[in-house]
Each structure stands twice: as C-alpha cells, then as structure tokens.
C-alpha cells in the first residue's frame, strides 16, 4: 500500500479555493488506522504506523506532500477522497468546519498539542497555539531559524522524540539545513547523552530520508 504514485499528475497553478476543498481527514479504506489529515494552515499529518508531519500543496486535482521542503508524495484528489498510485482510496471522514478563528494566522501550524488533546484539554491546546506559536514564536528578538535550532537542541537534550519529529521538519521550513541539524545532534551527543542523540538521529534519518 502506498500513497505515492509513480508519476505526478502534472497539473500546475495552486488555487486557494481548490486547497480549501481538500481540507479534511482522509482514512485509508483498507485499514482505518491509517489516515491523512490536510489542515487549513497548509500542514498535513500522515499516519501509517508512525506520524509524518509536513506541508502540502494542491494543484488542480493533485495534492503533493512536502517534508523539509521536498516532495514525498503526489496523489490524485477527487471529491471526498484521495486516490494513490494503486487506486487505493483514502476517504474523507467528515466535512471540516469552516475556519473562523484568526484567519491571518493560516501560515502557522496547528500545534501537535491541539491535535492530540482536542476536546480533552482544549485550554492547553489554545495556549499552545495562541501563546506559544502566535506570540513567543513571533517575537522579533530571535529569528525563527534561531528559535527552531534552540528548540531542536532542547528537545534532543530532554529526549522528547514526539515533539522533536515535528520541530525537525519545522526547523528546515525555517531555514535550518538538514546537514546542520544532523551536525547539531552529533554535537549534542557529548553534552546531552549518547542515548538521547541516537534517538534524535534515528528520527532525523527517517524524516530526511523520506524527504530525499
């Protein structure tokens, strides 16, 4: 089973209206534990045993997924479903509600906390988005590139693999090359501990290998 076709569908000219129609959660028809969620912000989450997080673009009837700014998948978008290269269907599970909160922040990611906690702890999700991403990350005293590098270093040192997976991809989006992140993890092995660095490097290898 694959969501990656052998050839892109080759359409060009991204359209915001088409992108809006693509937003939603798509469940793999043959195994409902697999899903692809396309978010209004332009970010995606793909779960196939483990999570892959990145960005996406819609061009005509093609949706392309990117990790670390490199395309990893292009699939055919039809009304209410996505078709991969084997014509396996990923069916949209529900029609997403209209986005009314702070549309000016569409370029910001939906936080992992908000996604994971949902209605269980909405206040923590709100604080993560409104304080952490919309306020702290937007402060001008440090560039987003520097904030990403600092965040990755902290997550490696604290051995927080779930959050690290997201922030490695975000770091590349913010201008930190994959090679620099790999070197940072290598450097941290001697300050934060070998096991933490090995865990971090395995995550980096998984993400950047798919991106390549």
N, C-alpha and C. Protein backbone atom coordinates (compact mmCIF):
# COMPACT_ATOMS: atom_id res chain seq x y z
N UNK A 1 0.85 -1.19 0.00
CA UNK A 1 0.00 0.00 0.00
C UNK A 1 0.88 1.23 0.00
N UNK A 2 0.56 2.15 -0.88
CA UNK A 2 1.36 3.37 -0.97
C UNK A 2 0.46 4.52 -1.34
N UNK A 3 0.79 5.69 -0.85
CA UNK A 3 0.07 6.90 -1.27
C UNK A 3 0.90 7.68 -2.27
N UNK A 4 2.03 7.12 -2.70
CA UNK A 4 2.94 7.81 -3.61
C UNK A 4 2.79 7.24 -5.01
N UNK A 5 2.30 8.00 -5.99
CA UNK A 5 2.19 7.48 -7.34
C UNK A 5 3.53 7.49 -8.06
N UNK A 6 3.63 6.70 -9.11
CA UNK A 6 4.88 6.63 -9.85
C UNK A 6 5.15 7.92 -10.62
N UNK A 7 4.10 8.57 -11.09
CA UNK A 7 4.25 9.83 -11.82
C UNK A 7 3.34 10.87 -11.19
N UNK A 8 3.81 12.12 -11.01
CA UNK A 8 2.91 13.18 -10.56
C UNK A 8 1.82 13.40 -11.60
N UNK A 9 0.71 13.93 -11.16
CA UNK A 9 -0.37 14.16 -12.09
C UNK A 9 -0.15 15.38 -12.95
N UNK A 10 0.88 16.20 -12.58
CA UNK A 10 1.41 17.18 -13.50
C UNK A 10 0.60 18.44 -13.71
N UNK A 11 -0.34 18.73 -12.85
CA UNK A 11 -1.07 19.97 -13.02
C UNK A 11 -0.39 21.09 -12.24
N UNK A 12 -0.53 22.30 -12.70
CA UNK A 12 0.15 23.41 -12.05
C UNK A 12 -0.84 24.52 -11.76
N UNK A 13 -0.35 25.52 -10.95
CA UNK A 13 -1.19 26.65 -10.65
C UNK A 13 -1.99 26.44 -9.39
N UNK A 14 -1.36 26.58 -8.19
CA UNK A 14 -2.08 26.36 -6.95
C UNK A 14 -3.26 27.31 -6.81
N UNK A 15 -4.35 26.82 -6.29
CA UNK A 15 -5.57 27.59 -6.18
C UNK A 15 -6.09 27.46 -4.76
N UNK A 16 -6.30 28.61 -4.09
CA UNK A 16 -6.73 28.59 -2.70
C UNK A 16 -8.09 27.93 -2.54
N UNK A 17 -8.99 28.14 -3.52
CA UNK A 17 -10.30 27.53 -3.44
C UNK A 17 -10.19 26.01 -3.53
N UNK A 18 -9.33 25.52 -4.41
CA UNK A 18 -9.14 24.08 -4.51
C UNK A 18 -8.52 23.52 -3.24
N UNK A 19 -7.59 24.28 -2.67
CA UNK A 19 -6.96 23.85 -1.42
C UNK A 19 -8.00 23.75 -0.31
N UNK A 20 -8.91 24.73 -0.26
CA UNK A 20 -9.95 24.71 0.77
C UNK A 20 -10.83 23.47 0.64
N UNK A 21 -11.10 23.07 -0.59
CA UNK A 21 -11.92 21.87 -0.80
C UNK A 21 -11.21 20.60 -0.36
N UNK A 22 -9.87 20.63 -0.34
CA UNK A 22 -9.10 19.44 0.02
C UNK A 22 -9.00 19.23 1.52
N UNK A 23 -9.21 20.29 2.30
CA UNK A 23 -9.01 20.23 3.75
C UNK A 23 -9.91 19.15 4.36
N UNK A 24 -9.33 18.35 5.24
CA UNK A 24 -10.10 17.33 5.94
C UNK A 24 -9.23 16.15 6.32
N UNK A 25 -9.85 15.18 6.97
CA UNK A 25 -9.17 13.96 7.38
C UNK A 25 -9.60 12.82 6.46
N UNK A 26 -8.63 12.14 5.88
CA UNK A 26 -8.88 11.05 4.95
C UNK A 26 -8.39 9.74 5.58
N UNK A 27 -9.26 8.75 5.61
CA UNK A 27 -8.95 7.46 6.23
C UNK A 27 -8.74 6.42 5.13
N UNK A 28 -7.67 5.64 5.29
CA UNK A 28 -7.36 4.60 4.31
C UNK A 28 -8.46 3.54 4.33
N UNK A 29 -9.05 3.28 3.18
CA UNK A 29 -10.23 2.42 3.12
C UNK A 29 -9.96 0.99 3.58
N UNK A 30 -8.74 0.50 3.34
CA UNK A 30 -8.43 -0.88 3.69
C UNK A 30 -7.96 -1.06 5.12
N UNK A 31 -7.60 0.02 5.78
CA UNK A 31 -7.14 -0.05 7.17
C UNK A 31 -7.42 1.30 7.82
N UNK A 32 -8.46 1.37 8.62
CA UNK A 32 -8.91 2.65 9.16
C UNK A 32 -7.95 3.24 10.19
N UNK A 33 -6.92 2.48 10.58
CA UNK A 33 -5.93 3.06 11.50
C UNK A 33 -4.96 3.98 10.77
N UNK A 34 -4.92 3.95 9.44
CA UNK A 34 -4.09 4.84 8.65
C UNK A 34 -4.93 6.05 8.24
N UNK A 35 -4.33 7.22 8.30
CA UNK A 35 -5.07 8.41 7.89
C UNK A 35 -4.12 9.48 7.39
N UNK A 36 -4.69 10.39 6.62
CA UNK A 36 -4.00 11.59 6.15
C UNK A 36 -4.90 12.77 6.49
N UNK A 37 -4.36 13.74 7.22
CA UNK A 37 -5.14 14.93 7.57
C UNK A 37 -4.51 16.16 6.92
N UNK A 38 -5.29 16.83 6.09
CA UNK A 38 -4.88 18.07 5.43
C UNK A 38 -5.51 19.23 6.19
N UNK A 39 -4.67 20.10 6.74
CA UNK A 39 -5.15 21.16 7.62
C UNK A 39 -5.30 22.48 6.86
N UNK A 40 -6.19 23.36 7.31
CA UNK A 40 -6.37 24.66 6.64
C UNK A 40 -5.09 25.48 6.59
N UNK A 41 -4.17 25.26 7.54
CA UNK A 41 -2.93 26.03 7.59
C UNK A 41 -1.96 25.68 6.48
N UNK A 42 -2.23 24.56 5.75
CA UNK A 42 -1.29 24.09 4.74
C UNK A 42 -0.36 23.02 5.26
N UNK A 43 -0.56 22.58 6.51
CA UNK A 43 0.21 21.48 7.08
C UNK A 43 -0.57 20.17 6.94
N UNK A 44 0.15 19.06 6.97
CA UNK A 44 -0.51 17.75 6.94
C UNK A 44 0.07 16.86 8.03
N UNK A 45 -0.72 15.84 8.40
CA UNK A 45 -0.24 14.74 9.24
C UNK A 45 -0.61 13.45 8.53
N UNK A 46 0.38 12.61 8.26
CA UNK A 46 0.15 11.30 7.66
C UNK A 46 0.53 10.24 8.68
N UNK A 47 -0.40 9.34 8.99
CA UNK A 47 -0.12 8.29 9.97
C UNK A 47 -0.22 6.94 9.26
N UNK A 48 0.91 6.23 9.21
CA UNK A 48 0.99 4.87 8.68
C UNK A 48 1.88 4.05 9.60
N UNK A 49 1.46 3.90 10.85
CA UNK A 49 2.28 3.23 11.85
C UNK A 49 3.09 4.23 12.66
N UNK A 50 3.50 5.33 12.05
CA UNK A 50 4.14 6.46 12.73
C UNK A 50 3.73 7.73 12.00
N UNK A 51 3.86 8.85 12.68
CA UNK A 51 3.42 10.12 12.11
C UNK A 51 4.49 10.75 11.25
N UNK A 52 4.08 11.28 10.12
CA UNK A 52 4.91 12.15 9.29
C UNK A 52 4.19 13.49 9.21
N UNK A 53 4.88 14.58 9.48
CA UNK A 53 4.29 15.90 9.51
C UNK A 53 5.02 16.79 8.51
N UNK A 54 4.28 17.55 7.74
CA UNK A 54 4.90 18.45 6.78
C UNK A 54 3.87 19.43 6.23
N UNK A 55 4.10 19.89 5.01
CA UNK A 55 3.18 20.82 4.35
C UNK A 55 2.65 20.17 3.08
N UNK A 56 1.60 20.79 2.51
CA UNK A 56 1.06 20.25 1.27
C UNK A 56 0.62 21.39 0.36
N UNK A 57 0.51 21.06 -0.95
CA UNK A 57 0.00 21.99 -1.95
C UNK A 57 -1.00 21.25 -2.82
N UNK A 58 -1.99 21.99 -3.30
CA UNK A 58 -2.98 21.43 -4.22
C UNK A 58 -2.84 22.13 -5.55
N UNK A 59 -2.62 21.37 -6.61
CA UNK A 59 -2.53 21.90 -7.96
C UNK A 59 -3.53 21.13 -8.82
N UNK A 60 -4.63 21.79 -9.17
CA UNK A 60 -5.66 21.10 -9.93
C UNK A 60 -6.23 19.94 -9.13
N UNK A 61 -6.09 18.73 -9.66
CA UNK A 61 -6.60 17.55 -8.96
C UNK A 61 -5.47 16.74 -8.34
N UNK A 62 -4.32 17.39 -8.11
CA UNK A 62 -3.19 16.71 -7.49
C UNK A 62 -2.86 17.37 -6.16
N UNK A 63 -2.64 16.55 -5.14
CA UNK A 63 -2.20 17.05 -3.85
C UNK A 63 -0.80 16.49 -3.58
N UNK A 64 0.14 17.37 -3.30
CA UNK A 64 1.53 16.99 -3.09
C UNK A 64 1.92 17.27 -1.65
N UNK A 65 2.54 16.28 -1.02
CA UNK A 65 3.01 16.40 0.36
C UNK A 65 4.50 16.71 0.37
N UNK A 66 4.91 17.62 1.26
CA UNK A 66 6.31 18.01 1.38
C UNK A 66 6.79 17.80 2.81
N UNK A 67 7.99 17.28 2.96
CA UNK A 67 8.68 17.23 4.24
C UNK A 67 10.03 17.90 4.02
N UNK A 68 10.36 18.84 4.88
CA UNK A 68 11.61 19.59 4.73
C UNK A 68 11.73 20.20 3.34
N UNK A 69 10.60 20.72 2.85
CA UNK A 69 10.51 21.41 1.57
C UNK A 69 10.71 20.52 0.35
N UNK A 70 10.79 19.22 0.54
CA UNK A 70 10.97 18.30 -0.58
C UNK A 70 9.73 17.44 -0.73
N UNK A 71 9.23 17.25 -1.97
CA UNK A 71 8.02 16.45 -2.17
C UNK A 71 8.27 14.98 -1.83
N UNK A 72 7.36 14.40 -1.08
CA UNK A 72 7.46 12.97 -0.76
C UNK A 72 6.32 12.17 -1.39
N UNK A 73 5.20 12.83 -1.74
CA UNK A 73 4.04 12.11 -2.28
C UNK A 73 3.21 13.05 -3.14
N UNK A 74 2.68 12.52 -4.23
CA UNK A 74 1.68 13.23 -5.00
C UNK A 74 0.56 12.26 -5.32
N UNK A 75 -0.66 12.60 -4.97
CA UNK A 75 -1.79 11.71 -5.16
C UNK A 75 -2.93 12.47 -5.83
N UNK A 76 -3.88 11.73 -6.37
CA UNK A 76 -4.99 12.32 -7.10
C UNK A 76 -6.13 12.65 -6.15
N UNK A 77 -6.60 13.88 -6.26
CA UNK A 77 -7.67 14.36 -5.39
C UNK A 77 -8.98 14.34 -6.16
N UNK A 78 -9.97 13.64 -5.60
CA UNK A 78 -11.31 13.64 -6.14
C UNK A 78 -12.27 14.07 -5.05
N UNK A 79 -13.50 14.33 -5.42
CA UNK A 79 -14.46 14.83 -4.44
C UNK A 79 -14.67 13.80 -3.32
N UNK A 80 -14.27 14.17 -2.12
CA UNK A 80 -14.49 13.32 -0.97
C UNK A 80 -13.48 12.22 -0.77
N UNK A 81 -12.46 12.13 -1.63
CA UNK A 81 -11.47 11.07 -1.44
C UNK A 81 -10.16 11.41 -2.15
N UNK A 82 -9.12 10.64 -1.81
CA UNK A 82 -7.82 10.74 -2.44
C UNK A 82 -7.46 9.36 -2.97
N UNK A 83 -6.93 9.30 -4.19
CA UNK A 83 -6.51 8.04 -4.80
C UNK A 83 -4.99 8.00 -4.88
N UNK A 84 -4.39 6.90 -4.39
CA UNK A 84 -2.95 6.77 -4.52
C UNK A 84 -2.60 6.05 -5.82
N UNK A 85 -1.33 5.70 -6.00
CA UNK A 85 -0.89 5.15 -7.28
C UNK A 85 -1.45 3.77 -7.58
N UNK A 86 -1.94 3.08 -6.54
CA UNK A 86 -2.56 1.78 -6.74
C UNK A 86 -4.08 1.88 -6.78
N UNK A 87 -4.58 3.10 -6.91
CA UNK A 87 -6.01 3.37 -6.91
C UNK A 87 -6.68 2.95 -5.62
N UNK A 88 -5.90 2.86 -4.55
CA UNK A 88 -6.48 2.67 -3.23
C UNK A 88 -7.08 3.99 -2.77
N UNK A 89 -8.18 3.89 -2.07
CA UNK A 89 -8.95 5.08 -1.71
C UNK A 89 -8.67 5.49 -0.27
N UNK A 90 -8.48 6.79 -0.10
CA UNK A 90 -8.40 7.44 1.22
C UNK A 90 -9.64 8.32 1.30
N UNK A 91 -10.59 7.93 2.11
CA UNK A 91 -11.91 8.55 2.11
C UNK A 91 -11.99 9.62 3.19
N UNK A 92 -12.50 10.78 2.80
CA UNK A 92 -12.66 11.86 3.78
C UNK A 92 -13.70 11.45 4.81
N UNK A 93 -13.32 11.52 6.09
CA UNK A 93 -14.18 11.00 7.14
C UNK A 93 -15.30 11.95 7.49
N UNK A 94 -15.07 13.25 7.27
CA UNK A 94 -16.12 14.22 7.59
C UNK A 94 -15.81 15.52 6.88
N UNK A 95 -16.81 16.35 6.71
CA UNK A 95 -16.61 17.68 6.12
C UNK A 95 -16.08 18.60 7.20
N UNK A 96 -14.92 19.24 7.01
CA UNK A 96 -14.35 20.09 8.06
C UNK A 96 -15.19 21.34 8.28
N UNK A 97 -15.24 21.82 9.52
CA UNK A 97 -15.97 23.06 9.78
C UNK A 97 -15.26 24.25 9.17
N UNK A 98 -15.98 25.31 8.84
CA UNK A 98 -15.32 26.49 8.29
C UNK A 98 -14.35 27.09 9.30
N UNK A 99 -13.26 27.64 8.80
CA UNK A 99 -12.24 28.23 9.66
C UNK A 99 -12.62 29.69 9.92
N UNK A 100 -12.91 30.00 11.18
CA UNK A 100 -13.29 31.36 11.52
C UNK A 100 -12.32 32.02 12.48
N UNK A 101 -11.44 31.23 13.15
CA UNK A 101 -10.54 31.79 14.14
C UNK A 101 -9.27 32.32 13.48
N UNK A 102 -9.02 33.58 13.67
CA UNK A 102 -7.75 34.21 13.31
C UNK A 102 -7.24 33.77 11.94
N UNK A 103 -7.97 34.08 10.86
CA UNK A 103 -7.54 33.65 9.53
C UNK A 103 -6.18 34.20 9.15
N UNK A 104 -5.75 35.31 9.78
CA UNK A 104 -4.45 35.88 9.44
C UNK A 104 -3.31 34.98 9.85
N UNK A 105 -3.60 33.91 10.65
CA UNK A 105 -2.54 33.01 11.10
C UNK A 105 -2.52 31.71 10.31
N UNK A 106 -3.03 31.72 9.07
CA UNK A 106 -3.13 30.49 8.32
C UNK A 106 -1.78 29.86 8.03
N UNK A 107 -0.70 30.66 8.02
CA UNK A 107 0.62 30.10 7.76
C UNK A 107 1.23 29.42 8.97
N UNK A 108 0.60 29.58 10.14
CA UNK A 108 1.11 28.95 11.35
C UNK A 108 0.58 27.53 11.47
N UNK A 109 1.37 26.61 12.01
CA UNK A 109 0.93 25.22 12.12
C UNK A 109 -0.12 25.06 13.20
N UNK A 110 -1.05 24.11 12.99
CA UNK A 110 -1.87 23.66 14.08
C UNK A 110 -0.96 22.87 15.01
N UNK A 111 -0.96 23.22 16.28
CA UNK A 111 0.01 22.62 17.20
C UNK A 111 -0.28 21.15 17.40
N UNK A 112 0.80 20.41 17.67
CA UNK A 112 0.64 18.99 17.98
C UNK A 112 -0.21 18.80 19.22
N UNK A 113 -0.07 19.73 20.19
CA UNK A 113 -0.86 19.63 21.42
C UNK A 113 -2.35 19.75 21.11
N UNK A 114 -2.72 20.74 20.28
CA UNK A 114 -4.13 20.91 19.93
C UNK A 114 -4.66 19.69 19.20
N UNK A 115 -3.85 19.12 18.31
CA UNK A 115 -4.27 17.95 17.56
C UNK A 115 -4.45 16.73 18.46
N UNK A 116 -3.51 16.52 19.36
CA UNK A 116 -3.54 15.33 20.20
C UNK A 116 -4.59 15.42 21.30
N UNK A 117 -4.76 16.62 21.86
CA UNK A 117 -5.64 16.75 23.02
C UNK A 117 -7.09 17.03 22.64
N UNK A 118 -7.29 17.76 21.54
CA UNK A 118 -8.64 18.01 21.07
C UNK A 118 -9.54 18.55 22.17
N UNK A 119 -10.70 17.94 22.32
CA UNK A 119 -11.66 18.36 23.33
C UNK A 119 -11.27 17.93 24.73
N UNK A 120 -10.26 17.06 24.86
CA UNK A 120 -9.88 16.55 26.17
C UNK A 120 -9.27 17.64 27.05
N UNK A 121 -8.41 18.46 26.47
CA UNK A 121 -7.78 19.56 27.21
C UNK A 121 -7.70 20.78 26.29
N UNK A 122 -8.85 21.38 25.95
CA UNK A 122 -8.84 22.47 24.96
C UNK A 122 -8.04 23.69 25.40
N UNK A 123 -7.97 23.96 26.71
CA UNK A 123 -7.23 25.13 27.16
C UNK A 123 -5.75 25.00 26.86
N UNK A 124 -5.19 23.81 27.08
CA UNK A 124 -3.77 23.60 26.79
C UNK A 124 -3.52 23.74 25.30
N UNK A 125 -4.43 23.23 24.47
CA UNK A 125 -4.29 23.41 23.04
C UNK A 125 -4.35 24.87 22.64
N UNK A 126 -5.28 25.63 23.26
CA UNK A 126 -5.40 27.05 22.96
C UNK A 126 -4.14 27.81 23.37
N UNK A 127 -3.60 27.51 24.55
CA UNK A 127 -2.38 28.18 25.00
C UNK A 127 -1.21 27.87 24.08
N UNK A 128 -1.15 26.63 23.62
CA UNK A 128 -0.06 26.23 22.73
C UNK A 128 -0.11 27.04 21.44
N UNK A 129 -1.30 27.20 20.87
CA UNK A 129 -1.42 27.93 19.61
C UNK A 129 -1.33 29.45 19.82
N UNK A 130 -2.10 29.95 20.79
CA UNK A 130 -2.23 31.41 20.92
C UNK A 130 -1.04 32.07 21.63
N UNK A 131 -0.43 31.35 22.58
CA UNK A 131 0.71 31.93 23.31
C UNK A 131 2.04 31.47 22.71
N UNK A 132 2.21 30.16 22.55
CA UNK A 132 3.50 29.65 22.07
C UNK A 132 3.74 30.02 20.61
N UNK A 133 2.84 29.59 19.70
CA UNK A 133 3.09 29.80 18.28
C UNK A 133 2.77 31.22 17.82
N UNK A 134 1.67 31.79 18.32
CA UNK A 134 1.25 33.11 17.82
C UNK A 134 1.96 34.27 18.52
N UNK A 135 2.54 34.02 19.70
CA UNK A 135 3.20 35.09 20.44
C UNK A 135 4.71 34.85 20.54
N UNK A 136 5.11 33.82 21.30
CA UNK A 136 6.54 33.59 21.54
C UNK A 136 7.30 33.38 20.23
N UNK A 137 6.79 32.53 19.34
CA UNK A 137 7.50 32.26 18.09
C UNK A 137 7.55 33.48 17.18
N UNK A 138 6.67 34.45 17.39
CA UNK A 138 6.62 35.63 16.53
C UNK A 138 7.44 36.80 17.06
N UNK A 139 8.04 36.67 18.24
CA UNK A 139 8.83 37.77 18.79
C UNK A 139 10.07 38.03 17.92
N UNK A 140 10.40 39.29 17.74
CA UNK A 140 11.44 39.68 16.78
C UNK A 140 12.86 39.61 17.35
N UNK A 141 12.97 39.37 18.65
CA UNK A 141 14.30 39.35 19.27
C UNK A 141 15.16 38.18 18.78
N UNK A 142 14.50 37.11 18.34
CA UNK A 142 15.22 35.98 17.74
C UNK A 142 14.52 35.63 16.43
N UNK A 143 15.31 35.25 15.44
CA UNK A 143 14.71 34.79 14.19
C UNK A 143 14.06 33.42 14.40
N UNK A 144 13.14 33.08 13.50
CA UNK A 144 12.51 31.76 13.59
C UNK A 144 13.54 30.65 13.37
N UNK A 145 14.54 30.95 12.53
CA UNK A 145 15.61 29.97 12.32
C UNK A 145 16.32 29.67 13.64
N UNK A 146 16.69 30.72 14.38
CA UNK A 146 17.38 30.52 15.65
C UNK A 146 16.47 29.83 16.67
N UNK A 147 15.20 30.22 16.68
CA UNK A 147 14.27 29.59 17.62
C UNK A 147 14.13 28.10 17.32
N UNK A 148 14.09 27.75 16.04
CA UNK A 148 14.00 26.34 15.67
C UNK A 148 15.23 25.56 16.13
N UNK A 149 16.41 26.14 15.90
CA UNK A 149 17.63 25.44 16.30
C UNK A 149 17.70 25.28 17.81
N UNK A 150 17.30 26.31 18.55
CA UNK A 150 17.28 26.22 20.01
C UNK A 150 16.28 25.16 20.47
N UNK A 151 15.10 25.16 19.84
CA UNK A 151 14.05 24.21 20.23
C UNK A 151 14.49 22.78 19.96
N UNK A 152 15.07 22.54 18.78
CA UNK A 152 15.56 21.19 18.47
C UNK A 152 16.60 20.75 19.48
N UNK A 153 17.54 21.64 19.81
CA UNK A 153 18.59 21.30 20.77
C UNK A 153 17.98 20.93 22.13
N UNK A 154 16.99 21.70 22.57
CA UNK A 154 16.36 21.42 23.86
C UNK A 154 15.63 20.08 23.84
N UNK A 155 14.93 19.80 22.74
CA UNK A 155 14.17 18.54 22.65
C UNK A 155 15.10 17.34 22.56
N UNK A 156 16.24 17.50 21.88
CA UNK A 156 17.23 16.42 21.85
C UNK A 156 17.76 16.17 23.25
N UNK A 157 18.15 17.24 23.94
CA UNK A 157 18.72 17.12 25.28
C UNK A 157 17.74 16.50 26.27
N UNK A 158 16.46 16.84 26.13
CA UNK A 158 15.44 16.32 27.03
C UNK A 158 14.88 14.98 26.59
N UNK A 159 15.32 14.53 25.41
CA UNK A 159 14.86 13.24 24.85
C UNK A 159 13.34 13.23 24.73
N UNK A 160 12.84 14.16 23.91
CA UNK A 160 11.40 14.29 23.67
C UNK A 160 11.11 13.97 22.20
N UNK A 161 11.09 12.69 21.82
CA UNK A 161 11.01 12.33 20.39
C UNK A 161 9.71 12.75 19.71
N UNK A 162 8.57 12.73 20.41
CA UNK A 162 7.32 13.09 19.75
C UNK A 162 7.33 14.53 19.26
N UNK A 163 7.78 15.44 20.12
CA UNK A 163 7.85 16.85 19.71
C UNK A 163 9.00 17.10 18.75
N UNK A 164 10.08 16.34 18.89
CA UNK A 164 11.25 16.53 18.03
C UNK A 164 10.90 16.26 16.57
N UNK A 165 10.07 15.25 16.33
CA UNK A 165 9.70 14.89 14.96
C UNK A 165 9.10 16.10 14.23
N UNK A 166 8.20 16.80 14.90
CA UNK A 166 7.58 17.99 14.30
C UNK A 166 8.59 19.11 14.12
N UNK A 167 9.41 19.34 15.16
CA UNK A 167 10.28 20.53 15.12
C UNK A 167 11.48 20.35 14.21
N UNK A 168 11.89 19.13 13.90
CA UNK A 168 12.94 18.95 12.89
C UNK A 168 12.43 19.42 11.52
N UNK A 169 11.21 19.01 11.17
CA UNK A 169 10.64 19.45 9.90
C UNK A 169 10.42 20.95 9.89
N UNK A 170 9.94 21.49 11.00
CA UNK A 170 9.70 22.93 11.09
C UNK A 170 11.02 23.70 11.00
N UNK A 171 12.09 23.15 11.56
CA UNK A 171 13.39 23.82 11.50
C UNK A 171 13.85 23.99 10.06
N UNK A 172 13.67 22.95 9.24
CA UNK A 172 14.06 23.06 7.83
C UNK A 172 13.19 24.09 7.13
N UNK A 173 11.89 24.10 7.45
CA UNK A 173 10.99 25.11 6.89
C UNK A 173 11.47 26.51 7.27
N UNK A 174 12.08 26.64 8.44
CA UNK A 174 12.54 27.95 8.92
C UNK A 174 13.98 28.25 8.50
N UNK A 175 14.56 27.44 7.63
CA UNK A 175 15.85 27.78 7.04
C UNK A 175 17.06 27.07 7.62
N UNK A 176 16.86 26.08 8.49
CA UNK A 176 18.00 25.32 9.02
C UNK A 176 18.21 24.10 8.12
N UNK A 177 19.35 23.99 7.44
CA UNK A 177 19.57 22.84 6.55
C UNK A 177 19.60 21.53 7.34
N UNK A 178 19.20 20.45 6.67
CA UNK A 178 19.23 19.13 7.31
C UNK A 178 20.63 18.79 7.80
N UNK A 179 21.65 19.16 7.01
CA UNK A 179 23.02 18.85 7.38
C UNK A 179 23.41 19.53 8.70
N UNK A 180 22.92 20.75 8.90
CA UNK A 180 23.22 21.48 10.13
C UNK A 180 22.52 20.85 11.33
N UNK A 181 21.31 20.36 11.13
CA UNK A 181 20.59 19.69 12.21
C UNK A 181 21.27 18.38 12.59
N UNK A 182 21.74 17.64 11.59
CA UNK A 182 22.47 16.39 11.86
C UNK A 182 23.74 16.68 12.65
N UNK A 183 24.44 17.76 12.27
CA UNK A 183 25.66 18.13 12.98
C UNK A 183 25.35 18.57 14.41
N UNK A 184 24.24 19.29 14.60
CA UNK A 184 23.85 19.72 15.94
C UNK A 184 23.56 18.51 16.84
N UNK A 185 22.88 17.51 16.30
CA UNK A 185 22.58 16.31 17.09
C UNK A 185 23.88 15.58 17.44
N UNK A 186 24.80 15.50 16.48
CA UNK A 186 26.10 14.87 16.75
C UNK A 186 26.83 15.60 17.86
N UNK A 187 26.84 16.91 17.80
CA UNK A 187 27.48 17.73 18.83
C UNK A 187 26.84 17.49 20.20
N UNK A 188 25.51 17.40 20.21
CA UNK A 188 24.79 17.24 21.47
C UNK A 188 25.01 15.88 22.12
N UNK A 189 25.47 14.90 21.35
CA UNK A 189 25.73 13.58 21.93
C UNK A 189 26.71 13.67 23.10
N UNK A 190 27.62 14.63 23.04
CA UNK A 190 28.66 14.75 24.07
C UNK A 190 28.24 15.67 25.22
N UNK A 191 27.05 16.28 25.11
CA UNK A 191 26.57 17.17 26.16
C UNK A 191 25.24 16.71 26.76
N UNK A 192 24.40 16.10 25.95
CA UNK A 192 23.09 15.69 26.44
C UNK A 192 22.98 14.18 26.63
N UNK A 193 23.99 13.44 26.18
CA UNK A 193 23.97 12.00 26.37
C UNK A 193 23.82 11.24 25.06
N UNK A 194 24.53 10.14 24.99
CA UNK A 194 24.52 9.32 23.77
C UNK A 194 23.14 8.77 23.43
N UNK A 195 22.38 8.20 24.40
CA UNK A 195 21.06 7.65 24.06
C UNK A 195 20.11 8.70 23.48
N UNK A 196 20.12 9.90 24.05
CA UNK A 196 19.25 10.96 23.53
C UNK A 196 19.61 11.33 22.10
N UNK A 197 20.91 11.42 21.83
CA UNK A 197 21.36 11.77 20.48
C UNK A 197 21.03 10.65 19.48
N UNK A 198 21.18 9.40 19.89
CA UNK A 198 20.87 8.29 18.99
C UNK A 198 19.39 8.25 18.66
N UNK A 199 18.55 8.50 19.65
CA UNK A 199 17.11 8.56 19.40
C UNK A 199 16.78 9.69 18.43
N UNK A 200 17.37 10.85 18.68
CA UNK A 200 17.13 12.00 17.81
C UNK A 200 17.62 11.75 16.39
N UNK A 201 18.78 11.13 16.25
CA UNK A 201 19.35 10.89 14.92
C UNK A 201 18.51 9.89 14.14
N UNK A 202 17.94 8.90 14.82
CA UNK A 202 17.08 7.94 14.11
C UNK A 202 15.83 8.62 13.57
N UNK A 203 15.29 9.58 14.32
CA UNK A 203 14.13 10.33 13.84
C UNK A 203 14.53 11.21 12.66
N UNK A 204 15.68 11.88 12.78
CA UNK A 204 16.16 12.72 11.68
C UNK A 204 16.40 11.89 10.42
N UNK A 205 16.97 10.71 10.58
CA UNK A 205 17.22 9.84 9.42
C UNK A 205 15.91 9.46 8.74
N UNK A 206 14.91 9.11 9.54
CA UNK A 206 13.61 8.74 8.99
C UNK A 206 12.99 9.90 8.20
N UNK A 207 13.00 11.10 8.79
CA UNK A 207 12.39 12.25 8.14
C UNK A 207 13.15 12.67 6.89
N UNK A 208 14.47 12.80 7.01
CA UNK A 208 15.24 13.35 5.90
C UNK A 208 15.44 12.33 4.79
N UNK A 209 15.41 11.04 5.11
CA UNK A 209 15.49 10.02 4.06
C UNK A 209 14.23 10.05 3.21
N UNK A 210 13.06 10.21 3.85
CA UNK A 210 11.81 10.31 3.09
C UNK A 210 11.80 11.57 2.26
N UNK A 211 12.36 12.65 2.81
CA UNK A 211 12.39 13.91 2.08
C UNK A 211 13.31 13.83 0.87
N UNK A 212 14.34 12.97 0.97
CA UNK A 212 15.28 12.87 -0.14
C UNK A 212 14.79 12.01 -1.25
